[in-house]
Protein backbone atom coordinates (compact mmCIF):
# COMPACT_ATOMS: atom_id res chain seq x y z
CA MET A 1 86.90 92.35 88.11
CA SER A 2 83.47 93.51 87.02
CA ASN A 3 80.52 91.13 86.78
CA THR A 4 80.68 91.36 82.97
CA ALA A 5 84.35 90.39 82.96
CA ASN A 6 83.62 87.48 85.30
CA GLN A 7 81.18 86.14 82.70
CA HIS A 8 83.82 86.14 79.94
CA VAL A 9 87.13 85.44 81.64
CA VAL A 10 88.07 81.93 82.70
CA ASP A 11 91.14 81.15 84.81
CA ASP A 12 93.00 77.99 83.89
CA THR A 13 95.17 77.42 86.96
CA PRO A 14 97.64 74.98 85.32
CA LEU A 15 98.45 77.66 82.74
CA MET A 16 99.15 80.38 85.32
CA ARG A 17 102.79 81.32 85.80
CA PRO A 18 103.80 80.46 89.38
CA ASN A 19 106.12 83.43 89.85
CA GLU A 20 103.79 86.15 88.58
CA ILE A 21 104.50 89.38 90.44
CA ALA A 22 101.77 91.91 91.09
CA TRP A 23 103.98 94.99 90.87
CA SER A 24 107.54 95.82 89.91
CA GLN A 25 109.63 98.95 89.75
CA GLY A 26 113.10 99.55 88.41
CA ASN A 27 115.72 102.23 88.94
CA PRO A 28 117.44 103.35 85.72
CA GLU A 29 120.33 104.99 87.61
CA LYS A 30 122.69 102.05 87.00
CA ALA A 31 122.03 102.17 83.24
CA ARG A 32 122.68 105.92 83.26
CA GLN A 33 125.96 105.51 85.16
CA LEU A 34 127.33 102.50 83.30
CA LEU A 35 125.96 103.06 79.80
CA GLY A 36 125.18 106.75 79.66
CA TRP A 37 121.58 105.76 78.84
CA GLN A 38 118.66 107.89 79.87
CA ALA A 39 114.99 107.31 79.09
CA THR A 40 113.38 109.79 76.74
CA LYS A 41 109.79 108.66 77.38
CA ARG A 42 107.77 108.12 80.54
CA MET A 43 106.05 104.77 80.99
CA SER A 44 102.63 106.42 80.67
CA ASP A 45 103.69 107.66 77.20
CA VAL A 46 104.78 104.16 76.19
CA ILE A 47 101.42 102.73 77.31
CA LYS A 48 99.55 105.36 75.26
CA VAL A 49 101.56 104.40 72.15
CA LEU A 50 100.95 100.68 72.71
CA CYS A 51 97.20 101.19 73.26
CA SER A 52 96.76 103.43 70.23
CA SER A 53 98.75 100.97 68.12
CA ALA A 54 96.64 98.03 69.30
CA SER A 55 93.37 99.87 68.67
CA GLY A 56 94.39 101.07 65.21
CA ILE A 57 94.10 104.76 66.08
């Protein structure tokens, strides 16, 4: 975290989720096989939509 962020962000340990995972990855193959579902967007595209929506762009 940058020095500026350290000045504004406070950790409250009792409020932290104990099972927070740092990284996760899924494999959509089972959904494709069982449900015939296939993603039409990449995760990077979803993030762009969420960010532009949150910023009002």
